[in-house]
Amino acid sequence: MPISRKPIEIPPEVARQFAAKMRLFHAERDQLKRDEIAADTRHLLLQHMPKGAKLRLADVIELFKLMG
C-alpha cells in the first residue's frame, strides 16, 4: 500500500520567493553562488514542511532544474 502524505501548503508569498530564487539560480553562472541560492531556498521550504521532514540541497537543485 502506498504511503499517503498530506500535500505541503506553502503560503503565496513563500511561493513567490521560491520562484524568484529559481530565476536567480538559472541566471547565475557561478556554481558557488548557485549552491548558496539553493541552500537559501532549502531553508525557506523547510520552514513550511512537516517537522522531521528531510529536504536535501540536491533535491532543491533538482526541483530548480525540472521547473526551469
N, C-alpha and C. Protein backbone atom coordinates (compact mmCIF):
# COMPACT_ATOMS: atom_id res chain seq x y z
N MET A 1 0.85 -1.18 0.00
CA MET A 1 0.00 0.00 0.00
C MET A 1 0.89 1.24 0.00
N PRO A 2 0.66 2.18 -0.95
CA PRO A 2 1.48 3.40 -0.98
C PRO A 2 1.23 4.28 0.23
N ILE A 3 2.27 4.97 0.63
CA ILE A 3 2.15 5.90 1.76
C ILE A 3 1.46 7.17 1.29
N SER A 4 0.45 7.56 2.01
CA SER A 4 -0.29 8.78 1.68
C SER A 4 0.28 9.93 2.50
N ARG A 5 0.63 11.00 1.81
CA ARG A 5 1.18 12.17 2.51
C ARG A 5 0.30 13.37 2.23
N LYS A 6 0.18 14.19 3.25
CA LYS A 6 -0.56 15.43 3.10
C LYS A 6 0.29 16.39 2.26
N PRO A 7 -0.30 17.01 1.23
CA PRO A 7 0.47 17.97 0.43
C PRO A 7 0.98 19.12 1.29
N ILE A 8 2.13 19.62 0.94
CA ILE A 8 2.70 20.76 1.66
C ILE A 8 1.95 22.01 1.22
N GLU A 9 1.54 22.79 2.19
CA GLU A 9 0.85 24.05 1.88
C GLU A 9 1.84 25.19 2.08
N ILE A 10 2.18 25.83 0.98
CA ILE A 10 3.13 26.93 1.03
C ILE A 10 2.37 28.23 0.80
N PRO A 11 2.52 29.20 1.70
CA PRO A 11 1.84 30.49 1.53
C PRO A 11 2.24 31.15 0.20
N PRO A 12 1.34 31.92 -0.39
CA PRO A 12 1.62 32.56 -1.68
C PRO A 12 2.91 33.38 -1.68
N GLU A 13 3.21 34.10 -0.61
CA GLU A 13 4.43 34.91 -0.57
C GLU A 13 5.67 34.02 -0.63
N VAL A 14 5.63 32.88 0.02
CA VAL A 14 6.76 31.94 0.00
C VAL A 14 6.91 31.35 -1.40
N ALA A 15 5.79 31.06 -2.05
CA ALA A 15 5.83 30.55 -3.42
C ALA A 15 6.46 31.58 -4.35
N ARG A 16 6.14 32.85 -4.15
CA ARG A 16 6.75 33.91 -4.96
C ARG A 16 8.25 34.00 -4.70
N GLN A 17 8.64 33.86 -3.43
CA GLN A 17 10.07 33.87 -3.09
C GLN A 17 10.79 32.69 -3.74
N PHE A 18 10.13 31.53 -3.73
CA PHE A 18 10.72 30.35 -4.37
C PHE A 18 10.93 30.62 -5.85
N ALA A 19 9.93 31.16 -6.52
CA ALA A 19 10.02 31.45 -7.96
C ALA A 19 11.14 32.46 -8.23
N ALA A 20 11.25 33.48 -7.40
CA ALA A 20 12.30 34.48 -7.58
C ALA A 20 13.68 33.86 -7.41
N LYS A 21 13.83 32.98 -6.41
CA LYS A 21 15.11 32.32 -6.18
C LYS A 21 15.44 31.37 -7.33
N MET A 22 14.43 30.74 -7.90
CA MET A 22 14.65 29.85 -9.02
C MET A 22 15.17 30.65 -10.23
N ARG A 23 14.59 31.83 -10.46
CA ARG A 23 15.07 32.68 -11.55
C ARG A 23 16.51 33.11 -11.32
N LEU A 24 16.84 33.47 -10.08
CA LEU A 24 18.21 33.84 -9.74
C LEU A 24 19.17 32.67 -9.99
N PHE A 25 18.73 31.48 -9.57
CA PHE A 25 19.54 30.28 -9.74
C PHE A 25 19.88 30.07 -11.21
N HIS A 26 18.89 30.17 -12.08
CA HIS A 26 19.11 29.93 -13.50
C HIS A 26 19.92 31.04 -14.17
N ALA A 27 19.86 32.24 -13.64
CA ALA A 27 20.60 33.36 -14.22
C ALA A 27 22.06 33.37 -13.76
N GLU A 28 22.33 32.77 -12.62
CA GLU A 28 23.68 32.78 -12.04
C GLU A 28 24.57 31.74 -12.73
N ARG A 29 25.79 32.13 -13.06
CA ARG A 29 26.73 31.21 -13.71
C ARG A 29 27.77 30.66 -12.73
N ASP A 30 27.98 31.35 -11.62
CA ASP A 30 28.95 30.91 -10.62
C ASP A 30 28.34 29.76 -9.79
N GLN A 31 28.99 28.59 -9.81
CA GLN A 31 28.44 27.42 -9.13
C GLN A 31 28.27 27.62 -7.63
N LEU A 32 29.23 28.29 -7.01
CA LEU A 32 29.14 28.53 -5.56
C LEU A 32 27.91 29.39 -5.24
N LYS A 33 27.68 30.42 -6.02
CA LYS A 33 26.52 31.28 -5.80
C LYS A 33 25.22 30.53 -6.07
N ARG A 34 25.23 29.65 -7.09
CA ARG A 34 24.04 28.83 -7.36
C ARG A 34 23.73 27.94 -6.16
N ASP A 35 24.78 27.34 -5.58
CA ASP A 35 24.59 26.49 -4.41
C ASP A 35 24.06 27.30 -3.22
N GLU A 36 24.55 28.52 -3.06
CA GLU A 36 24.07 29.39 -1.98
C GLU A 36 22.58 29.72 -2.16
N ILE A 37 22.18 29.98 -3.38
CA ILE A 37 20.77 30.27 -3.66
C ILE A 37 19.93 29.04 -3.34
N ALA A 38 20.39 27.87 -3.74
CA ALA A 38 19.66 26.63 -3.47
C ALA A 38 19.58 26.36 -1.97
N ALA A 39 20.67 26.60 -1.25
CA ALA A 39 20.68 26.38 0.20
C ALA A 39 19.70 27.33 0.89
N ASP A 40 19.67 28.57 0.45
CA ASP A 40 18.74 29.56 0.98
C ASP A 40 17.30 29.12 0.73
N THR A 41 17.05 28.60 -0.45
CA THR A 41 15.71 28.13 -0.81
C THR A 41 15.33 26.91 0.02
N ARG A 42 16.29 26.01 0.24
CA ARG A 42 16.03 24.83 1.08
C ARG A 42 15.57 25.26 2.46
N HIS A 43 16.27 26.22 3.04
CA HIS A 43 15.90 26.72 4.36
C HIS A 43 14.48 27.30 4.34
N LEU A 44 14.17 28.06 3.31
CA LEU A 44 12.84 28.65 3.16
C LEU A 44 11.76 27.57 3.12
N LEU A 45 11.98 26.52 2.32
CA LEU A 45 10.99 25.46 2.18
C LEU A 45 10.85 24.63 3.44
N LEU A 46 11.96 24.37 4.13
CA LEU A 46 11.90 23.56 5.35
C LEU A 46 11.03 24.20 6.43
N GLN A 47 10.93 25.51 6.41
CA GLN A 47 10.09 26.21 7.40
C GLN A 47 8.61 25.87 7.23
N HIS A 48 8.23 25.34 6.05
CA HIS A 48 6.83 25.07 5.76
C HIS A 48 6.55 23.58 5.55
N MET A 49 7.52 22.76 5.88
CA MET A 49 7.36 21.32 5.76
C MET A 49 7.08 20.74 7.14
N PRO A 50 6.48 19.56 7.19
CA PRO A 50 6.21 18.93 8.49
C PRO A 50 7.50 18.71 9.28
N LYS A 51 7.36 18.77 10.60
CA LYS A 51 8.52 18.58 11.47
C LYS A 51 9.15 17.22 11.18
N GLY A 52 10.46 17.22 11.06
CA GLY A 52 11.18 16.00 10.79
C GLY A 52 11.32 15.68 9.31
N ALA A 53 10.70 16.47 8.46
CA ALA A 53 10.81 16.24 7.01
C ALA A 53 12.23 16.51 6.56
N LYS A 54 12.64 15.79 5.55
CA LYS A 54 14.00 15.96 5.04
C LYS A 54 13.94 16.53 3.63
N LEU A 55 14.85 17.44 3.38
CA LEU A 55 14.96 18.04 2.06
C LEU A 55 16.45 18.32 1.84
N ARG A 56 17.03 17.58 0.90
CA ARG A 56 18.44 17.74 0.63
C ARG A 56 18.67 18.90 -0.34
N LEU A 57 19.86 19.45 -0.29
CA LEU A 57 20.24 20.50 -1.22
C LEU A 57 20.09 19.99 -2.65
N ALA A 58 20.48 18.75 -2.88
CA ALA A 58 20.35 18.15 -4.21
C ALA A 58 18.89 18.09 -4.66
N ASP A 59 17.97 17.92 -3.72
CA ASP A 59 16.54 17.91 -4.06
C ASP A 59 16.09 19.27 -4.57
N VAL A 60 16.56 20.32 -3.93
CA VAL A 60 16.20 21.68 -4.34
C VAL A 60 16.78 21.99 -5.72
N ILE A 61 18.02 21.61 -5.93
CA ILE A 61 18.65 21.83 -7.23
C ILE A 61 17.90 21.08 -8.32
N GLU A 62 17.49 19.85 -8.03
CA GLU A 62 16.72 19.06 -8.99
C GLU A 62 15.38 19.73 -9.28
N LEU A 63 14.72 20.26 -8.24
CA LEU A 63 13.46 20.99 -8.44
C LEU A 63 13.68 22.17 -9.38
N PHE A 64 14.72 22.93 -9.13
CA PHE A 64 15.02 24.08 -9.99
C PHE A 64 15.23 23.66 -11.44
N LYS A 65 15.97 22.57 -11.62
CA LYS A 65 16.24 22.10 -12.98
C LYS A 65 14.97 21.61 -13.66
N LEU A 66 14.14 20.91 -12.94
CA LEU A 66 12.89 20.38 -13.51
C LEU A 66 11.89 21.49 -13.84
N MET A 67 11.90 22.54 -13.03
CA MET A 67 10.91 23.61 -13.20
C MET A 67 11.45 24.75 -14.06
N GLY A 68 12.73 24.74 -14.38
CA GLY A 68 13.33 25.86 -15.10
C GLY A 68 13.20 25.70 -16.56
